Amino acid sequence: MATFELYRRSTIGMCLTETLDEMVSNGTLSPELAIQVLIQFDKSMTEALETQVKSKVTIKGHLHTYRFCDNVWTFILQDALFKNDEFQENVGKVKIVACDSKLLTQ
């Protein structure tokens, strides 16, 4: 299964990367094993989002910037409203990165 490395820039991905870097620096973990952990993280995040997340969210806001490069869409919204059946949340500025999941099967 191919994966994107997008989730490494999430809060949990960045914390994992920092921890792995520290462990490699301390000699607790080899660089090769740290890379394998990150690859498994990418696979696990992709699988979890595909199989376990069932909720849908509506997003409305002012589109400040958008771009499409290397089959990746990036949207920057201002004054965004996230809404689902249970809650709604206003966010001043949000960046959304979207990739075509069909590319994972290639």
PDB file of N, CA and C in Angstrom:
ATOM      1  N   MET A   1       0.847  -1.179   0.000  1.00  0.00           N
ATOM      2  CA  MET A   1       0.000   0.000   0.000  1.00  0.00           C
ATOM      3  C   MET A   1       0.892   1.242   0.000  1.00  0.00           C
ATOM      4  N   ALA A   2       0.695   2.092  -0.966  1.00  0.00           N
ATOM      5  CA  ALA A   2       1.407   3.370  -1.005  1.00  0.00           C
ATOM      6  C   ALA A   2       0.701   4.350  -0.073  1.00  0.00           C
ATOM      7  N   THR A   3       1.433   5.311   0.440  1.00  0.00           N
ATOM      8  CA  THR A   3       0.835   6.305   1.331  1.00  0.00           C
ATOM      9  C   THR A   3       1.417   7.675   1.040  1.00  0.00           C
ATOM     10  N   PHE A   4       0.696   8.674   1.480  1.00  0.00           N
ATOM     11  CA  PHE A   4       1.203  10.038   1.460  1.00  0.00           C
ATOM     12  C   PHE A   4       1.854  10.317   2.806  1.00  0.00           C
ATOM     13  N   GLU A   5       2.721  11.289   2.830  1.00  0.00           N
ATOM     14  CA  GLU A   5       3.372  11.676   4.077  1.00  0.00           C
ATOM     15  C   GLU A   5       2.706  12.898   4.704  1.00  0.00           C
ATOM     16  N   LEU A   6       1.471  13.193   4.300  1.00  0.00           N
ATOM     17  CA  LEU A   6       0.764  14.382   4.770  1.00  0.00           C
ATOM     18  C   LEU A   6       0.585  14.408   6.279  1.00  0.00           C
ATOM     19  N   TYR A   7       0.317  13.270   6.872  1.00  0.00           N
ATOM     20  CA  TYR A   7      -0.046  13.233   8.290  1.00  0.00           C
ATOM     21  C   TYR A   7       1.156  13.477   9.196  1.00  0.00           C
ATOM     22  N   ARG A   8       2.346  13.469   8.634  1.00  0.00           N
ATOM     23  CA  ARG A   8       3.529  13.778   9.433  1.00  0.00           C
ATOM     24  C   ARG A   8       3.541  15.244   9.863  1.00  0.00           C
ATOM     25  N   ARG A   9       2.795  16.084   9.166  1.00  0.00           N
ATOM     26  CA  ARG A   9       2.735  17.514   9.524  1.00  0.00           C
ATOM     27  C   ARG A   9       1.594  17.801  10.494  1.00  0.00           C
ATOM     28  N   SER A  10       0.838  16.769  10.874  1.00  0.00           N
ATOM     29  CA  SER A  10      -0.191  16.951  11.894  1.00  0.00           C
ATOM     30  C   SER A  10       0.493  17.061  13.257  1.00  0.00           C
ATOM     31  N   THR A  11      -0.267  17.432  14.263  1.00  0.00           N
ATOM     32  CA  THR A  11       0.311  17.569  15.608  1.00  0.00           C
ATOM     33  C   THR A  11       0.915  16.257  16.079  1.00  0.00           C
ATOM     34  N   ILE A  12       0.186  15.162  15.914  1.00  0.00           N
ATOM     35  CA  ILE A  12       0.701  13.874  16.381  1.00  0.00           C
ATOM     36  C   ILE A  12       1.891  13.426  15.543  1.00  0.00           C
ATOM     37  N   GLY A  13       1.870  13.716  14.255  1.00  0.00           N
ATOM     38  CA  GLY A  13       2.986  13.353  13.388  1.00  0.00           C
ATOM     39  C   GLY A  13       4.251  14.123  13.737  1.00  0.00           C
ATOM     40  N   MET A  14       4.095  15.412  14.033  1.00  0.00           N
ATOM     41  CA  MET A  14       5.257  16.225  14.400  1.00  0.00           C
ATOM     42  C   MET A  14       5.826  15.792  15.748  1.00  0.00           C
ATOM     43  N   CYS A  15       4.953  15.436  16.683  1.00  0.00           N
ATOM     44  CA  CYS A  15       5.419  14.946  17.988  1.00  0.00           C
ATOM     45  C   CYS A  15       6.164  13.625  17.829  1.00  0.00           C
ATOM     46  N   LEU A  16       5.625  12.749  16.979  1.00  0.00           N
ATOM     47  CA  LEU A  16       6.298  11.473  16.720  1.00  0.00           C
ATOM     48  C   LEU A  16       7.672  11.716  16.101  1.00  0.00           C
ATOM     49  N   THR A  17       7.737  12.599  15.123  1.00  0.00           N
ATOM     50  CA  THR A  17       9.006  12.893  14.452  1.00  0.00           C
ATOM     51  C   THR A  17      10.028  13.469  15.426  1.00  0.00           C
ATOM     52  N   GLU A  18       9.598  14.394  16.281  1.00  0.00           N
ATOM     53  CA  GLU A  18      10.503  14.977  17.284  1.00  0.00           C
ATOM     54  C   GLU A  18      11.019  13.913  18.239  1.00  0.00           C
ATOM     55  N   THR A  19      10.125  13.026  18.670  1.00  0.00           N
ATOM     56  CA  THR A  19      10.521  11.966  19.596  1.00  0.00           C
ATOM     57  C   THR A  19      11.506  11.006  18.939  1.00  0.00           C
ATOM     58  N   LEU A  20      11.221  10.638  17.688  1.00  0.00           N
ATOM     59  CA  LEU A  20      12.137   9.739  16.972  1.00  0.00           C
ATOM     60  C   LEU A  20      13.494  10.401  16.766  1.00  0.00           C
ATOM     61  N   ASP A  21      13.506  11.687  16.429  1.00  0.00           N
ATOM     62  CA  ASP A  21      14.768  12.414  16.261  1.00  0.00           C
ATOM     63  C   ASP A  21      15.578  12.413  17.554  1.00  0.00           C
ATOM     64  N   GLU A  22      14.885  12.629  18.660  1.00  0.00           N
ATOM     65  CA  GLU A  22      15.562  12.626  19.958  1.00  0.00           C
ATOM     66  C   GLU A  22      16.128  11.242  20.275  1.00  0.00           C
ATOM     67  N   MET A  23      15.358  10.208  19.979  1.00  0.00           N
ATOM     68  CA  MET A  23      15.819   8.842  20.249  1.00  0.00           C
ATOM     69  C   MET A  23      17.015   8.476  19.362  1.00  0.00           C
ATOM     70  N   VAL A  24      17.003   8.941  18.114  1.00  0.00           N
ATOM     71  CA  VAL A  24      18.149   8.690  17.233  1.00  0.00           C
ATOM     72  C   VAL A  24      19.373   9.445  17.743  1.00  0.00           C
ATOM     73  N   SER A  25      19.183  10.691  18.172  1.00  0.00           N
ATOM     74  CA  SER A  25      20.292  11.500  18.696  1.00  0.00           C
ATOM     75  C   SER A  25      20.902  10.881  19.949  1.00  0.00           C
ATOM     76  N   ASN A  26      20.056  10.289  20.787  1.00  0.00           N
ATOM     77  CA  ASN A  26      20.528   9.655  22.026  1.00  0.00           C
ATOM     78  C   ASN A  26      21.119   8.273  21.786  1.00  0.00           C
ATOM     79  N   GLY A  27      20.962   7.748  20.592  1.00  0.00           N
ATOM     80  CA  GLY A  27      21.470   6.411  20.298  1.00  0.00           C
ATOM     81  C   GLY A  27      20.527   5.307  20.743  1.00  0.00           C
ATOM     82  N   THR A  28      19.324   5.662  21.171  1.00  0.00           N
ATOM     83  CA  THR A  28      18.338   4.680  21.608  1.00  0.00           C
ATOM     84  C   THR A  28      17.743   3.930  20.429  1.00  0.00           C
ATOM     85  N   LEU A  29      17.725   4.585  19.271  1.00  0.00           N
ATOM     86  CA  LEU A  29      17.060   4.044  18.091  1.00  0.00           C
ATOM     87  C   LEU A  29      17.937   4.298  16.871  1.00  0.00           C
ATOM     88  N   SER A  30      17.972   3.335  15.971  1.00  0.00           N
ATOM     89  CA  SER A  30      18.750   3.535  14.748  1.00  0.00           C
ATOM     90  C   SER A  30      17.945   4.383  13.767  1.00  0.00           C
ATOM     91  N   PRO A  31      18.626   5.133  12.903  1.00  0.00           N
ATOM     92  CA  PRO A  31      17.905   5.931  11.912  1.00  0.00           C
ATOM     93  C   PRO A  31      17.019   5.081  10.993  1.00  0.00           C
ATOM     94  N   GLU A  32      17.460   3.900  10.668  1.00  0.00           N
ATOM     95  CA  GLU A  32      16.681   3.011   9.797  1.00  0.00           C
ATOM     96  C   GLU A  32      15.365   2.617  10.458  1.00  0.00           C
ATOM     97  N   LEU A  33      15.429   2.303  11.753  1.00  0.00           N
ATOM     98  CA  LEU A  33      14.216   1.927  12.475  1.00  0.00           C
ATOM     99  C   LEU A  33      13.276   3.120  12.614  1.00  0.00           C
ATOM    100  N   ALA A  34      13.822   4.308  12.811  1.00  0.00           N
ATOM    101  CA  ALA A  34      13.000   5.519  12.903  1.00  0.00           C
ATOM    102  C   ALA A  34      12.249   5.748  11.592  1.00  0.00           C
ATOM    103  N   ILE A  35      12.918   5.530  10.473  1.00  0.00           N
ATOM    104  CA  ILE A  35      12.255   5.674   9.168  1.00  0.00           C
ATOM    105  C   ILE A  35      11.143   4.645   9.019  1.00  0.00           C
ATOM    106  N   GLN A  36      11.379   3.433   9.455  1.00  0.00           N
ATOM    107  CA  GLN A  36      10.348   2.391   9.388  1.00  0.00           C
ATOM    108  C   GLN A  36       9.138   2.742  10.252  1.00  0.00           C
ATOM    109  N   VAL A  37       9.382   3.356  11.403  1.00  0.00           N
ATOM    110  CA  VAL A  37       8.278   3.786  12.271  1.00  0.00           C
ATOM    111  C   VAL A  37       7.447   4.849  11.557  1.00  0.00           C
ATOM    112  N   LEU A  38       8.096   5.804  10.895  1.00  0.00           N
ATOM    113  CA  LEU A  38       7.363   6.850  10.170  1.00  0.00           C
ATOM    114  C   LEU A  38       6.570   6.271   8.996  1.00  0.00           C
ATOM    115  N   ILE A  39       7.134   5.311   8.312  1.00  0.00           N
ATOM    116  CA  ILE A  39       6.414   4.668   7.208  1.00  0.00           C
ATOM    117  C   ILE A  39       5.180   3.944   7.741  1.00  0.00           C
ATOM    118  N   GLN A  40       5.322   3.255   8.872  1.00  0.00           N
ATOM    119  CA  GLN A  40       4.177   2.572   9.476  1.00  0.00           C
ATOM    120  C   GLN A  40       3.142   3.569   9.959  1.00  0.00           C
ATOM    121  N   PHE A  41       3.586   4.705  10.483  1.00  0.00           N
ATOM    122  CA  PHE A  41       2.669   5.769  10.898  1.00  0.00           C
ATOM    123  C   PHE A  41       1.842   6.239   9.709  1.00  0.00           C
ATOM    124  N   ASP A  42       2.493   6.483   8.565  1.00  0.00           N
ATOM    125  CA  ASP A  42       1.787   6.907   7.353  1.00  0.00           C
ATOM    126  C   ASP A  42       0.722   5.885   6.958  1.00  0.00           C
ATOM    127  N   LYS A  43       1.086   4.606   6.968  1.00  0.00           N
ATOM    128  CA  LYS A  43       0.139   3.534   6.600  1.00  0.00           C
ATOM    129  C   LYS A  43      -1.017   3.462   7.587  1.00  0.00           C
ATOM    130  N   SER A  44      -0.701   3.548   8.869  1.00  0.00           N
ATOM    131  CA  SER A  44      -1.737   3.432   9.901  1.00  0.00           C
ATOM    132  C   SER A  44      -2.714   4.597   9.863  1.00  0.00           C
ATOM    133  N   MET A  45      -2.220   5.807   9.649  1.00  0.00           N
ATOM    134  CA  MET A  45      -3.105   6.969   9.566  1.00  0.00           C
ATOM    135  C   MET A  45      -4.031   6.858   8.357  1.00  0.00           C
ATOM    136  N   THR A  46      -3.478   6.454   7.226  1.00  0.00           N
ATOM    137  CA  THR A  46      -4.289   6.309   6.016  1.00  0.00           C
ATOM    138  C   THR A  46      -5.375   5.264   6.225  1.00  0.00           C
ATOM    139  N   GLU A  47      -5.005   4.122   6.789  1.00  0.00           N
ATOM    140  CA  GLU A  47      -5.974   3.049   7.024  1.00  0.00           C
ATOM    141  C   GLU A  47      -7.042   3.466   8.031  1.00  0.00           C
ATOM    142  N   ALA A  48      -6.635   4.122   9.118  1.00  0.00           N
ATOM    143  CA  ALA A  48      -7.592   4.539  10.144  1.00  0.00           C
ATOM    144  C   ALA A  48      -8.597   5.543   9.595  1.00  0.00           C
ATOM    145  N   LEU A  49      -8.126   6.491   8.807  1.00  0.00           N
ATOM    146  CA  LEU A  49      -9.040   7.485   8.248  1.00  0.00           C
ATOM    147  C   LEU A  49      -9.984   6.868   7.222  1.00  0.00           C
ATOM    148  N   GLU A  50      -9.520   5.869   6.499  1.00  0.00           N
ATOM    149  CA  GLU A  50     -10.377   5.204   5.516  1.00  0.00           C
ATOM    150  C   GLU A  50     -11.433   4.321   6.168  1.00  0.00           C
ATOM    151  N   THR A  51     -11.087   3.650   7.243  1.00  0.00           N
ATOM    152  CA  THR A  51     -11.972   2.625   7.797  1.00  0.00           C
ATOM    153  C   THR A  51     -12.733   3.043   9.051  1.00  0.00           C
ATOM    154  N   GLN A  52     -12.221   3.996   9.820  1.00  0.00           N
ATOM    155  CA  GLN A  52     -12.820   4.281  11.115  1.00  0.00           C
ATOM    156  C   GLN A  52     -13.550   5.612  11.211  1.00  0.00           C
ATOM    157  N   VAL A  53     -13.278   6.532  10.324  1.00  0.00           N
ATOM    158  CA  VAL A  53     -13.924   7.847  10.391  1.00  0.00           C
ATOM    159  C   VAL A  53     -15.152   7.830   9.497  1.00  0.00           C
ATOM    160  N   LYS A  54     -16.306   8.046  10.087  1.00  0.00           N
ATOM    161  CA  LYS A  54     -17.570   7.986   9.349  1.00  0.00           C
ATOM    162  C   LYS A  54     -18.305   9.317   9.303  1.00  0.00           C
ATOM    163  N   SER A  55     -17.899  10.292  10.099  1.00  0.00           N
ATOM    164  CA  SER A  55     -18.620  11.568  10.155  1.00  0.00           C
ATOM    165  C   SER A  55     -18.261  12.451   8.963  1.00  0.00           C
ATOM    166  N   LYS A  56     -19.173  13.352   8.639  1.00  0.00           N
ATOM    167  CA  LYS A  56     -18.969  14.304   7.562  1.00  0.00           C
ATOM    168  C   LYS A  56     -19.076  15.712   8.122  1.00  0.00           C
ATOM    169  N   VAL A  57     -18.288  16.608   7.556  1.00  0.00           N
ATOM    170  CA  VAL A  57     -18.260  17.989   8.007  1.00  0.00           C
ATOM    171  C   VAL A  57     -18.469  18.902   6.807  1.00  0.00           C
ATOM    172  N   THR A  58     -19.249  19.944   7.007  1.00  0.00           N
ATOM    173  CA  THR A  58     -19.422  20.978   6.000  1.00  0.00           C
ATOM    174  C   THR A  58     -18.518  22.143   6.370  1.00  0.00           C
ATOM    175  N   ILE A  59     -17.804  22.670   5.378  1.00  0.00           N
ATOM    176  CA  ILE A  59     -16.899  23.786   5.612  1.00  0.00           C
ATOM    177  C   ILE A  59     -17.316  24.942   4.715  1.00  0.00           C
ATOM    178  N   LYS A  60     -17.507  26.103   5.327  1.00  0.00           N
ATOM    179  CA  LYS A  60     -17.802  27.320   4.570  1.00  0.00           C
ATOM    180  C   LYS A  60     -16.846  28.400   5.031  1.00  0.00           C
ATOM    181  N   GLY A  61     -16.391  29.206   4.097  1.00  0.00           N
ATOM    182  CA  GLY A  61     -15.497  30.291   4.459  1.00  0.00           C
ATOM    183  C   GLY A  61     -15.049  31.056   3.234  1.00  0.00           C
ATOM    184  N   HIS A  62     -14.248  32.072   3.457  1.00  0.00           N
ATOM    185  CA  HIS A  62     -13.711  32.878   2.372  1.00  0.00           C
ATOM    186  C   HIS A  62     -12.437  32.213   1.857  1.00  0.00           C
ATOM    187  N   LEU A  63     -12.425  31.869   0.570  1.00  0.00           N
ATOM    188  CA  LEU A  63     -11.258  31.236  -0.033  1.00  0.00           C
ATOM    189  C   LEU A  63     -10.195  32.301  -0.293  1.00  0.00           C
ATOM    190  N   HIS A  64      -9.137  32.250   0.489  1.00  0.00           N
ATOM    191  CA  HIS A  64      -8.057  33.221   0.373  1.00  0.00           C
ATOM    192  C   HIS A  64      -7.065  32.816  -0.717  1.00  0.00           C
ATOM    193  N   THR A  65      -6.650  31.546  -0.709  1.00  0.00           N
ATOM    194  CA  THR A  65      -5.658  31.051  -1.662  1.00  0.00           C
ATOM    195  C   THR A  65      -5.969  29.600  -1.992  1.00  0.00           C
ATOM    196  N   TYR A  66      -5.704  29.228  -3.244  1.00  0.00           N
ATOM    197  CA  TYR A  66      -5.777  27.818  -3.608  1.00  0.00           C
ATOM    198  C   TYR A  66      -4.697  27.526  -4.635  1.00  0.00           C
ATOM    199  N   ARG A  67      -4.261  26.261  -4.668  1.00  0.00           N
ATOM    200  CA  ARG A  67      -3.302  25.841  -5.681  1.00  0.00           C
ATOM    201  C   ARG A  67      -3.400  24.334  -5.878  1.00  0.00           C
ATOM    202  N   PHE A  68      -2.991  23.902  -7.068  1.00  0.00           N
ATOM    203  CA  PHE A  68      -2.979  22.487  -7.428  1.00  0.00           C
ATOM    204  C   PHE A  68      -1.607  22.198  -8.007  1.00  0.00           C
ATOM    205  N   CYS A  69      -0.838  21.381  -7.310  1.00  0.00           N
ATOM    206  CA  CYS A  69       0.519  21.063  -7.745  1.00  0.00           C
ATOM    207  C   CYS A  69       0.808  19.605  -7.420  1.00  0.00           C
ATOM    208  N   ASP A  70       1.308  18.871  -8.397  1.00  0.00           N
ATOM    209  CA  ASP A  70       1.653  17.453  -8.211  1.00  0.00           C
ATOM    210  C   ASP A  70       0.485  16.646  -7.649  1.00  0.00           C
ATOM    211  N   ASN A  71      -0.701  16.866  -8.184  1.00  0.00           N
ATOM    212  CA  ASN A  71      -1.919  16.157  -7.778  1.00  0.00           C
ATOM    213  C   ASN A  71      -2.311  16.409  -6.325  1.00  0.00           C
ATOM    214  N   VAL A  72      -1.888  17.540  -5.778  1.00  0.00           N
ATOM    215  CA  VAL A  72      -2.241  17.909  -4.406  1.00  0.00           C
ATOM    216  C   VAL A  72      -2.909  19.285  -4.435  1.00  0.00           C
ATOM    217  N   TRP A  73      -4.120  19.356  -3.882  1.00  0.00           N
ATOM    218  CA  TRP A  73      -4.835  20.621  -3.732  1.00  0.00           C
ATOM    219  C   TRP A  73      -4.498  21.206  -2.376  1.00  0.00           C
ATOM    220  N   THR A  74      -4.261  22.508  -2.339  1.00  0.00           N
ATOM    221  CA  THR A  74      -4.079  23.235  -1.092  1.00  0.00           C
ATOM    222  C   THR A  74      -5.039  24.418  -1.094  1.00  0.00           C
ATOM    223  N   PHE A  75      -5.843  24.517  -0.047  1.00  0.00           N
ATOM    224  CA  PHE A  75      -6.802  25.611   0.108  1.00  0.00           C
ATOM    225  C   PHE A  75      -6.498  26.329   1.413  1.00  0.00           C
ATOM    226  N   ILE A  76      -6.504  27.643   1.385  1.00  0.00           N
ATOM    227  CA  ILE A  76      -6.400  28.430   2.614  1.00  0.00           C
ATOM    228  C   ILE A  76      -7.686  29.234   2.731  1.00  0.00           C
ATOM    229  N   LEU A  77      -8.435  28.967   3.802  1.00  0.00           N
ATOM    230  CA  LEU A  77      -9.710  29.626   4.050  1.00  0.00           C
ATOM    231  C   LEU A  77      -9.583  30.580   5.223  1.00  0.00           C
ATOM    232  N   GLN A  78     -10.294  31.695   5.134  1.00  0.00           N
ATOM    233  CA  GLN A  78     -10.377  32.625   6.255  1.00  0.00           C
ATOM    234  C   GLN A  78     -11.815  32.657   6.742  1.00  0.00           C
ATOM    235  N   ASP A  79     -11.974  32.873   8.030  1.00  0.00           N
ATOM    236  CA  ASP A  79     -13.296  32.919   8.668  1.00  0.00           C
ATOM    237  C   ASP A  79     -14.120  31.687   8.292  1.00  0.00           C
ATOM    238  N   ALA A  80     -13.544  30.528   8.503  1.00  0.00           N
ATOM    239  CA  ALA A  80     -14.184  29.269   8.124  1.00  0.00           C
ATOM    240  C   ALA A  80     -15.138  28.793   9.215  1.00  0.00           C
ATOM    241  N   LEU A  81     -16.222  28.183   8.783  1.00  0.00           N
ATOM    242  CA  LEU A  81     -17.192  27.576   9.695  1.00  0.00           C
ATOM    243  C   LEU A  81     -17.229  26.086   9.406  1.00  0.00           C
ATOM    244  N   PHE A  82     -16.855  25.281  10.409  1.00  0.00           N
ATOM    245  CA  PHE A  82     -16.926  23.823  10.326  1.00  0.00           C
ATOM    246  C   PHE A  82     -18.211  23.396  11.016  1.00  0.00           C
ATOM    247  N   LYS A  83     -19.007  22.571  10.330  1.00  0.00           N
ATOM    248  CA  LYS A  83     -20.318  22.223  10.865  1.00  0.00           C
ATOM    249  C   LYS A  83     -20.629  20.756  10.569  1.00  0.00           C
ATOM    250  N   ASN A  84     -21.127  20.049  11.593  1.00  0.00           N
ATOM    251  CA  ASN A  84     -21.696  18.715  11.394  1.00  0.00           C
ATOM    252  C   ASN A  84     -22.988  18.628  12.199  1.00  0.00           C
ATOM    253  N   ASP A  85     -23.522  17.434  12.359  1.00  0.00           N
ATOM    254  CA  ASP A  85     -24.800  17.274  13.048  1.00  0.00           C
ATOM    255  C   ASP A  85     -24.749  17.675  14.522  1.00  0.00           C
ATOM    256  N   GLU A  86     -23.569  17.583  15.138  1.00  0.00           N
ATOM    257  CA  GLU A  86     -23.463  17.779  16.574  1.00  0.00           C
ATOM    258  C   GLU A  86     -22.882  19.123  16.999  1.00  0.00           C
ATOM    259  N   PHE A  87     -22.099  19.782  16.158  1.00  0.00           N
ATOM    260  CA  PHE A  87     -21.451  21.020  16.573  1.00  0.00           C
ATOM    261  C   PHE A  87     -21.136  21.898  15.375  1.00  0.00           C
ATOM    262  N   GLN A  88     -20.755  23.126  15.685  1.00  0.00           N
ATOM    263  CA  GLN A  88     -20.189  24.011  14.673  1.00  0.00           C
ATOM    264  C   GLN A  88     -19.087  24.824  15.328  1.00  0.00           C
ATOM    265  N   GLU A  89     -18.061  25.116  14.565  1.00  0.00           N
ATOM    266  CA  GLU A  89     -16.888  25.805  15.094  1.00  0.00           C
ATOM    267  C   GLU A  89     -16.383  26.816  14.074  1.00  0.00           C
ATOM    268  N   ASN A  90     -16.161  28.040  14.525  1.00  0.00           N
ATOM    269  CA  ASN A  90     -15.566  29.075  13.678  1.00  0.00           C
ATOM    270  C   ASN A  90     -14.057  29.053  13.847  1.00  0.00           C
ATOM    271  N   VAL A  91     -13.354  29.161  12.724  1.00  0.00           N
ATOM    272  CA  VAL A  91     -11.893  29.174  12.734  1.00  0.00           C
ATOM    273  C   VAL A  91     -11.440  30.368  11.908  1.00  0.00           C
ATOM    274  N   GLY A  92     -10.510  31.146  12.435  1.00  0.00           N
ATOM    275  CA  GLY A  92     -10.046  32.342  11.748  1.00  0.00           C
ATOM    276  C   GLY A  92      -9.341  32.048  10.439  1.00  0.00           C
ATOM    277  N   LYS A  93      -8.450  31.073  10.444  1.00  0.00           N
ATOM    278  CA  LYS A  93      -7.698  30.726   9.243  1.00  0.00           C
ATOM    279  C   LYS A  93      -7.400  29.234   9.282  1.00  0.00           C
ATOM    280  N   VAL A  94      -7.605  28.554   8.154  1.00  0.00           N
ATOM    281  CA  VAL A  94      -7.371  27.115   8.100  1.00  0.00           C
ATOM    282  C   VAL A  94      -6.745  26.750   6.759  1.00  0.00           C
ATOM    283  N   LYS A  95      -5.832  25.796   6.798  1.00  0.00           N
ATOM    284  CA  LYS A  95      -5.196  25.282   5.581  1.00  0.00           C
ATOM    285  C   LYS A  95      -5.655  23.847   5.393  1.00  0.00           C
ATOM    286  N   ILE A  96      -6.185  23.564   4.209  1.00  0.00           N
ATOM    287  CA  ILE A  96      -6.661  22.216   3.888  1.00  0.00           C
ATOM    288  C   ILE A  96      -5.801  21.680   2.748  1.00  0.00           C
ATOM    289  N   VAL A  97      -5.234  20.505   2.954  1.00  0.00           N
ATOM    290  CA  VAL A  97      -4.439  19.830   1.917  1.00  0.00           C
ATOM    291  C   VAL A  97      -5.165  18.549   1.563  1.00  0.00           C
ATOM    292  N   ALA A  98      -5.432  18.380   0.257  1.00  0.00           N
ATOM    293  CA  ALA A  98      -6.216  17.224  -0.190  1.00  0.00           C
ATOM    294  C   ALA A  98      -5.509  16.529  -1.354  1.00  0.00           C
ATOM    295  N   CYS A  99      -5.486  15.203  -1.279  1.00  0.00           N
ATOM    296  CA  CYS A  99      -4.878  14.391  -2.331  1.00  0.00           C
ATOM    297  C   CYS A  99      -5.906  13.379  -2.823  1.00  0.00           C
ATOM    298  N   ASP A 100      -5.749  12.959  -4.042  1.00  0.00           N
ATOM    299  CA  ASP A 100      -6.628  11.948  -4.626  1.00  0.00           C
ATOM    300  C   ASP A 100      -6.243  10.581  -4.082  1.00  0.00           C
ATOM    301  N   SER A 101      -7.135   9.944  -3.350  1.00  0.00           N
ATOM    302  CA  SER A 101      -6.822   8.643  -2.755  1.00  0.00           C
ATOM    303  C   SER A 101      -6.598   7.566  -3.802  1.00  0.00           C
ATOM    304  N   LYS A 102      -7.088   7.783  -5.016  1.00  0.00           N
ATOM    305  CA  LYS A 102      -6.863   6.805  -6.090  1.00  0.00           C
ATOM    306  C   LYS A 102      -5.373   6.702  -6.427  1.00  0.00           C
ATOM    307  N   LEU A 103      -4.620   7.745  -6.143  1.00  0.00           N
ATOM    308  CA  LEU A 103      -3.185   7.718  -6.401  1.00  0.00           C
ATOM    309  C   LEU A 103      -2.463   6.741  -5.493  1.00  0.00           C
ATOM    310  N   LEU A 104      -3.068   6.393  -4.372  1.00  0.00           N
ATOM    311  CA  LEU A 104      -2.443   5.457  -3.439  1.00  0.00           C
ATOM    312  C   LEU A 104      -2.371   4.048  -3.993  1.00  0.00           C
ATOM    313  N   THR A 105      -3.231   3.713  -4.914  1.00  0.00           N
ATOM    314  CA  THR A 105      -3.261   2.356  -5.452  1.00  0.00           C
ATOM    315  C   THR A 105      -2.329   2.173  -6.634  1.00  0.00           C
ATOM    316  N   GLN A 106      -1.682   3.239  -7.066  1.00  0.00           N
ATOM    317  CA  GLN A 106      -0.779   3.134  -8.213  1.00  0.00           C
ATOM    318  C   GLN A 106       0.570   2.603  -7.812  1.00  0.00           C
TER     319      GLN A 106
END
